[in-house]
N, C-alpha and C. Protein backbone atom coordinates (compact mmCIF):
# COMPACT_ATOMS: atom_id res chain seq x y z
N MET A 1 -7.62 13.80 -26.09
CA MET A 1 -6.65 15.07 -24.79
C MET A 1 -6.17 14.17 -23.85
N SER A 2 -5.10 14.40 -23.43
CA SER A 2 -3.82 13.75 -22.37
C SER A 2 -4.57 14.21 -20.83
N GLU A 3 -4.45 12.91 -20.59
CA GLU A 3 -4.92 13.01 -18.42
C GLU A 3 -3.40 14.04 -18.40
N LYS A 4 -4.58 14.80 -17.24
CA LYS A 4 -3.64 15.65 -16.31
C LYS A 4 -3.41 14.64 -15.12
N ILE A 5 -1.70 14.78 -14.69
CA ILE A 5 -1.28 13.98 -13.79
C ILE A 5 -0.86 14.89 -12.94
N ALA A 6 -0.02 14.39 -11.38
CA ALA A 6 0.20 15.18 -10.41
C ALA A 6 1.33 14.27 -9.78
N VAL A 7 2.51 14.60 -9.50
CA VAL A 7 3.14 13.56 -8.82
C VAL A 7 3.64 14.19 -7.57
N ALA A 8 3.65 12.83 -6.55
CA ALA A 8 5.11 13.46 -5.15
C ALA A 8 6.08 12.23 -5.40
N TYR A 9 6.99 12.71 -5.23
CA TYR A 9 7.92 11.44 -4.57
C TYR A 9 8.39 11.85 -2.79
N LEU A 10 8.57 10.51 -2.60
CA LEU A 10 9.41 10.34 -1.23
C LEU A 10 10.42 9.50 -1.31
N SER A 11 12.22 9.98 -1.05
CA SER A 11 12.83 8.94 -1.00
C SER A 11 13.70 8.65 0.07
N ALA A 12 14.60 7.80 -0.19
CA ALA A 12 14.84 6.94 1.76
C ALA A 12 13.66 7.30 2.84
N LEU A 13 12.93 6.28 2.51
CA LEU A 13 11.97 6.27 3.74
C LEU A 13 12.24 5.15 3.91
N LYS A 14 12.78 4.74 5.85
CA LYS A 14 12.95 3.92 6.50
C LYS A 14 12.35 2.88 6.39
N SER A 15 12.24 1.94 5.50
CA SER A 15 11.01 0.98 5.61
C SER A 15 11.32 0.01 4.27
N SER A 16 11.46 -1.21 4.39
CA SER A 16 11.60 -2.33 3.30
C SER A 16 10.38 -1.93 2.42
N PRO A 17 10.83 -2.09 1.05
CA PRO A 17 9.80 -2.09 -0.04
C PRO A 17 8.66 -3.10 0.06
N LEU A 18 8.92 -3.74 0.91
CA LEU A 18 7.43 -5.33 0.76
C LEU A 18 6.71 -4.60 1.83
N LYS A 19 6.90 -4.01 3.03
CA LYS A 19 6.07 -3.17 4.14
C LYS A 19 5.62 -2.38 3.40
N VAL A 20 6.00 -1.45 2.94
CA VAL A 20 5.43 -0.39 2.31
C VAL A 20 4.32 -0.68 0.97
N MET A 21 4.70 -1.86 0.46
CA MET A 21 3.54 -2.63 -0.44
C MET A 21 2.63 -2.80 0.02
N LYS A 22 2.51 -3.63 1.00
CA LYS A 22 1.94 -4.44 2.34
C LYS A 22 0.64 -3.14 2.71
N LEU A 23 1.48 -2.20 2.65
CA LEU A 23 0.11 -0.86 3.25
C LEU A 23 -1.27 -0.20 1.82
N THR A 24 0.10 -0.09 0.60
CA THR A 24 -0.27 0.90 -0.34
C THR A 24 -0.51 -0.15 -1.33
N GLY A 25 -0.84 -1.45 -1.24
CA GLY A 25 -0.93 -2.58 -2.42
C GLY A 25 -2.41 -1.97 -3.01
N ASN A 26 -3.11 -1.75 -1.89
CA ASN A 26 -4.92 -1.62 -2.63
C ASN A 26 -5.13 -0.40 -3.08
N LEU A 27 -4.55 0.23 -2.94
CA LEU A 27 -5.30 1.91 -2.57
C LEU A 27 -4.93 3.12 -4.27
N ALA A 28 -3.87 1.75 -5.16
CA ALA A 28 -4.67 2.45 -6.56
C ALA A 28 -5.80 2.14 -7.29
N GLY A 29 -6.36 3.78 -7.73
CA GLY A 29 -7.51 3.39 -8.30
C GLY A 29 -8.68 4.02 -7.56
N LYS A 30 -8.13 4.62 -6.33
CA LYS A 30 -8.88 4.87 -5.41
C LYS A 30 -9.29 6.51 -5.48
N PRO A 31 -10.13 6.93 -4.95
CA PRO A 31 -10.44 8.68 -4.84
C PRO A 31 -9.98 8.99 -3.55
N VAL A 32 -9.55 9.91 -3.90
CA VAL A 32 -8.12 10.37 -3.00
C VAL A 32 -8.77 10.44 -0.96
N SER A 33 -10.41 10.92 -1.16
CA SER A 33 -10.94 11.03 -0.15
C SER A 33 -10.94 9.92 0.80
N GLU A 34 -11.04 8.82 -0.06
CA GLU A 34 -11.41 7.64 0.43
C GLU A 34 -9.96 6.92 1.14
N VAL A 35 -9.03 7.23 0.06
CA VAL A 35 -7.81 6.46 0.50
C VAL A 35 -6.63 7.36 1.67
N LEU A 36 -7.53 8.44 2.34
CA LEU A 36 -6.67 9.07 3.62
C LEU A 36 -7.91 8.98 4.75
N LYS A 37 -9.00 8.36 3.83
CA LYS A 37 -9.98 7.84 5.63
C LYS A 37 -9.12 6.30 6.13
N VAL A 38 -9.04 5.54 4.75
CA VAL A 38 -8.40 4.03 5.01
C VAL A 38 -6.98 4.17 5.99
N LEU A 39 -6.01 5.36 5.71
CA LEU A 39 -4.93 5.32 5.91
C LEU A 39 -5.41 6.23 7.31
N LYS A 40 -6.23 6.83 7.74
CA LYS A 40 -6.27 7.48 9.04
C LYS A 40 -6.57 6.30 9.74
N PHE A 41 -7.30 5.15 9.98
CA PHE A 41 -7.64 4.26 10.71
C PHE A 41 -6.64 3.47 10.51
N CYS A 42 -5.50 3.27 9.91
CA CYS A 42 -4.58 2.59 9.87
C CYS A 42 -3.43 2.43 10.84
N ASN A 43 -3.13 1.17 11.59
CA ASN A 43 -2.32 1.12 13.03
C ASN A 43 -0.64 0.99 12.50
N LEU A 44 -0.54 0.97 11.11
CA LEU A 44 1.02 0.84 10.89
C LEU A 44 1.73 2.20 10.93
N LYS A 45 3.02 1.74 11.09
CA LYS A 45 4.52 3.23 11.51
C LYS A 45 3.91 4.12 9.89
N LEU A 46 3.88 3.74 8.72
CA LEU A 46 4.07 4.03 8.06
C LEU A 46 2.81 4.98 7.36
N ALA A 47 1.49 4.56 8.23
CA ALA A 47 0.40 5.23 7.18
C ALA A 47 0.71 6.97 7.77
N PRO A 48 1.19 7.45 8.59
CA PRO A 48 1.38 9.23 8.81
C PRO A 48 2.27 9.38 7.57
N VAL A 49 3.24 8.72 6.96
CA VAL A 49 4.07 8.85 6.17
C VAL A 49 3.43 8.91 4.65
N ILE A 50 2.83 7.90 4.65
CA ILE A 50 2.12 8.18 3.34
C ILE A 50 0.90 9.23 2.84
N ILE A 51 0.18 9.41 4.23
CA ILE A 51 -0.90 10.08 4.42
C ILE A 51 -0.17 11.67 3.87
N GLY A 52 1.30 12.26 4.39
CA GLY A 52 1.69 13.30 4.05
C GLY A 52 1.83 13.20 2.49
N LEU A 53 2.25 12.37 1.85
CA LEU A 53 2.51 12.17 0.53
C LEU A 53 1.47 12.62 -0.18
N VAL A 54 0.32 11.63 0.13
CA VAL A 54 -0.97 11.90 -0.75
C VAL A 54 -1.02 13.68 -0.48
N TYR A 55 -1.25 14.01 0.52
CA TYR A 55 -1.47 15.59 0.64
C TYR A 55 -0.43 16.46 -0.01
N SER A 56 1.16 15.93 -0.16
CA SER A 56 1.51 16.71 -0.85
C SER A 56 1.13 16.68 -2.53
N ALA A 57 0.94 15.55 -2.65
CA ALA A 57 0.64 14.97 -4.51
C ALA A 57 -0.67 16.25 -4.78
N MET A 58 -1.16 15.84 -3.22
CA MET A 58 -2.64 16.72 -3.82
C MET A 58 -2.33 18.33 -3.70
N SER A 59 -1.67 18.64 -3.15
CA SER A 59 -1.27 20.22 -3.28
C SER A 59 -0.43 20.42 -4.10
N ASN A 60 0.20 19.63 -5.10
CA ASN A 60 0.44 20.02 -6.40
C ASN A 60 -0.17 19.94 -7.26
N ALA A 61 -1.23 18.54 -7.21
CA ALA A 61 -2.20 18.87 -8.31
C ALA A 61 -2.83 20.32 -8.64
N GLU A 62 -3.16 21.26 -6.94
CA GLU A 62 -4.22 21.78 -6.78
C GLU A 62 -3.62 23.44 -7.29
N ASN A 63 -1.94 23.45 -6.58
CA ASN A 63 -1.47 24.37 -7.33
C ASN A 63 -0.13 24.77 -8.19
N ASN A 64 0.34 23.86 -9.33
CA ASN A 64 0.97 23.36 -10.17
C ASN A 64 -0.04 23.21 -11.09
N HIS A 65 -1.15 22.43 -10.93
CA HIS A 65 -1.69 21.85 -12.27
C HIS A 65 -2.85 22.33 -12.26
N ASN A 66 -3.72 22.86 -11.51
CA ASN A 66 -4.91 23.79 -11.42
C ASN A 66 -5.96 22.94 -11.55
N MET A 67 -6.23 21.74 -10.94
CA MET A 67 -7.02 20.50 -11.07
C MET A 67 -7.63 20.68 -9.97
N ASP A 68 -9.16 20.15 -10.03
CA ASP A 68 -10.05 20.03 -9.01
C ASP A 68 -9.70 18.80 -8.08
N VAL A 69 -9.38 19.32 -6.59
CA VAL A 69 -8.92 18.40 -5.54
C VAL A 69 -10.48 17.10 -5.81
N ASP A 70 -11.51 17.62 -5.49
CA ASP A 70 -12.66 16.66 -5.13
C ASP A 70 -12.58 15.63 -6.35
N ASN A 71 -11.99 15.66 -7.59
CA ASN A 71 -12.52 14.42 -8.31
C ASN A 71 -10.83 13.98 -8.58
N LEU A 72 -10.16 14.38 -7.49
CA LEU A 72 -8.64 13.36 -7.70
C LEU A 72 -8.71 12.16 -7.42
N TYR A 73 -8.33 11.06 -8.12
CA TYR A 73 -8.14 9.42 -7.49
C TYR A 73 -6.62 8.91 -7.44
N ILE A 74 -5.88 8.24 -6.66
CA ILE A 74 -4.82 7.85 -7.25
C ILE A 74 -4.63 6.63 -8.39
N LYS A 75 -3.79 7.13 -9.39
CA LYS A 75 -3.71 6.59 -10.58
C LYS A 75 -2.78 5.06 -10.35
N LYS A 76 -1.50 5.32 -9.48
CA LYS A 76 -0.30 4.63 -9.78
C LYS A 76 0.10 5.07 -8.07
N ILE A 77 0.70 4.02 -7.68
CA ILE A 77 1.63 4.12 -6.17
C ILE A 77 2.91 2.99 -6.92
N ASP A 78 3.98 4.07 -7.42
CA ASP A 78 5.47 3.31 -7.53
C ASP A 78 6.02 3.20 -5.91
N ILE A 79 6.78 2.11 -5.69
CA ILE A 79 7.46 1.41 -4.62
C ILE A 79 9.08 0.66 -5.24
N GLY A 80 9.81 1.62 -4.30
CA GLY A 80 11.38 0.84 -5.26
C GLY A 80 12.03 0.51 -4.16
N ARG A 81 13.45 -0.20 -4.23
CA ARG A 81 14.23 -0.16 -3.55
C ARG A 81 15.10 0.89 -3.40
N ALA A 82 15.69 1.86 -2.12
CA ALA A 82 16.45 2.72 -2.43
C ALA A 82 18.00 2.36 -2.17
N PHE A 83 18.41 2.33 -0.83
CA PHE A 83 19.28 1.77 -0.67
C PHE A 83 19.33 0.73 0.39
N ALA A 84 20.72 0.41 1.19
CA ALA A 84 20.69 -1.00 2.56
C ALA A 84 22.04 -0.33 3.33
N LEU A 85 21.60 -0.13 4.09
CA LEU A 85 22.64 0.33 5.12
C LEU A 85 22.77 -1.30 5.99
N LYS A 86 24.53 -1.61 5.81
CA LYS A 86 24.98 -2.86 5.87
C LYS A 86 25.58 -2.72 7.38
N ARG A 87 24.87 -4.09 8.05
CA ARG A 87 25.65 -4.23 9.40
C ARG A 87 25.74 -5.27 9.87
N PHE A 88 26.66 -5.82 10.85
CA PHE A 88 27.02 -7.44 11.15
C PHE A 88 26.25 -7.75 12.42
N ALA A 89 26.06 -9.13 12.72
CA ALA A 89 25.82 -9.44 14.03
C ALA A 89 26.68 -10.97 13.94
N ALA A 90 27.14 -10.23 15.33
CA ALA A 90 28.41 -11.44 15.74
C ALA A 90 27.34 -12.94 15.81
N ARG A 91 28.20 -13.81 15.63
CA ARG A 91 27.10 -14.84 15.70
C ARG A 91 28.13 -16.13 16.61
N GLY A 92 28.20 -17.07 16.72
CA GLY A 92 28.94 -18.27 17.58
C GLY A 92 29.98 -18.73 16.74
N ARG A 93 30.77 -19.04 17.48
CA ARG A 93 31.86 -19.62 16.91
C ARG A 93 32.73 -18.44 16.27
N GLY A 94 32.97 -17.49 16.70
CA GLY A 94 33.42 -16.73 15.90
C GLY A 94 32.91 -16.24 14.67
N LYS A 95 31.93 -16.02 14.38
CA LYS A 95 31.60 -16.05 12.72
C LYS A 95 30.64 -14.67 12.98
N SER A 96 29.89 -14.37 11.85
CA SER A 96 29.04 -13.09 11.90
C SER A 96 28.31 -13.00 10.30
N SER A 97 26.95 -12.65 10.87
CA SER A 97 25.94 -12.42 9.72
C SER A 97 25.33 -10.78 9.31
N ARG A 98 25.21 -10.89 8.04
CA ARG A 98 25.20 -9.55 7.83
C ARG A 98 23.71 -9.26 7.98
N ILE A 99 23.41 -7.93 8.31
CA ILE A 99 21.93 -7.44 8.82
C ILE A 99 21.71 -6.27 7.33
N LEU A 100 20.45 -6.30 6.14
CA LEU A 100 20.53 -4.92 5.59
C LEU A 100 19.60 -4.56 6.03
N LYS A 101 19.73 -3.04 6.13
CA LYS A 101 18.45 -2.23 6.69
C LYS A 101 18.10 -1.64 5.37
N THR A 102 16.93 -2.02 4.84
CA THR A 102 16.73 -1.41 3.85
C THR A 102 15.78 0.36 3.60
N PHE A 103 15.78 0.92 2.64
CA PHE A 103 15.11 1.94 2.44
C PHE A 103 14.33 1.89 0.87
N SER A 104 13.23 2.48 1.28
CA SER A 104 12.27 2.83 -0.07
C SER A 104 12.22 3.87 -0.56
N ASN A 105 11.77 4.12 -1.81
CA ASN A 105 11.54 5.03 -3.16
C ASN A 105 9.81 4.86 -3.06
N VAL A 106 9.11 5.96 -3.06
CA VAL A 106 7.94 6.25 -3.08
C VAL A 106 7.80 7.18 -4.55
N ARG A 107 6.30 6.83 -5.15
CA ARG A 107 5.65 7.67 -5.93
C ARG A 107 4.90 7.82 -6.21
N VAL A 108 4.02 8.90 -5.93
CA VAL A 108 2.48 9.00 -5.97
C VAL A 108 2.00 9.37 -7.09
N VAL A 109 1.01 9.03 -7.56
CA VAL A 109 0.52 9.92 -9.47
C VAL A 109 -0.98 9.97 -9.16
N LEU A 110 -1.10 11.21 -9.24
CA LEU A 110 -2.53 11.41 -8.75
C LEU A 110 -3.08 11.72 -10.35
N ALA A 111 -4.83 11.44 -10.68
CA ALA A 111 -4.94 11.80 -11.99
C ALA A 111 -6.57 12.35 -11.82
N GLU A 112 -6.99 13.38 -12.89
CA GLU A 112 -8.23 13.78 -12.50
C GLU A 112 -9.38 12.93 -12.86
N LYS A 113 -10.60 12.65 -12.37
CA LYS A 113 -11.39 11.71 -13.14
C LYS A 113 -12.39 13.36 -14.35
N GLN A 114 -11.99 11.88 -15.35
CA GLN A 114 -13.13 13.15 -16.64
C GLN A 114 -14.25 12.62 -16.49
N GLU A 115 -14.92 14.04 -16.61
CA GLU A 115 -16.07 13.50 -16.71
C GLU A 115 -16.85 13.27 -18.36
N LYS A 116 -17.61 11.90 -18.10
CA LYS A 116 -18.07 11.84 -19.62
C LYS A 116 -18.45 12.64 -20.66
N GLN A 117 -18.30 12.87 -21.67
CA GLN A 117 -18.81 13.74 -22.40
C GLN A 117 -20.00 12.88 -23.62
N LYS A 118 -21.44 13.78 -23.36
CA LYS A 118 -22.80 13.39 -24.11
C LYS A 118 -22.57 13.81 -25.37
């Protein structure tokens, strides 16, 4: 039997992929309720955005795939680089340097825990 999954996407998040990975690195494989508790008390600027994305994936699971919200866990979180705004900073002696303001794409995949058949 194939596993039912629910997905939520967030594109063009104004943060670098490394900062998003720092926040979401250890969330995969945990139940959704535990992940929401961890993110609620996290002090980073990105935490409310990721909380909203997890809620969106939960809503997709409940309404589109008829999955039980209490049995959901995070199967995986994919993070990728979206694009970068290129800026410059004036340097000494008439030179300049490049500043890259990077954006990220985030994908949350939820799955339902399977009950063991006897």
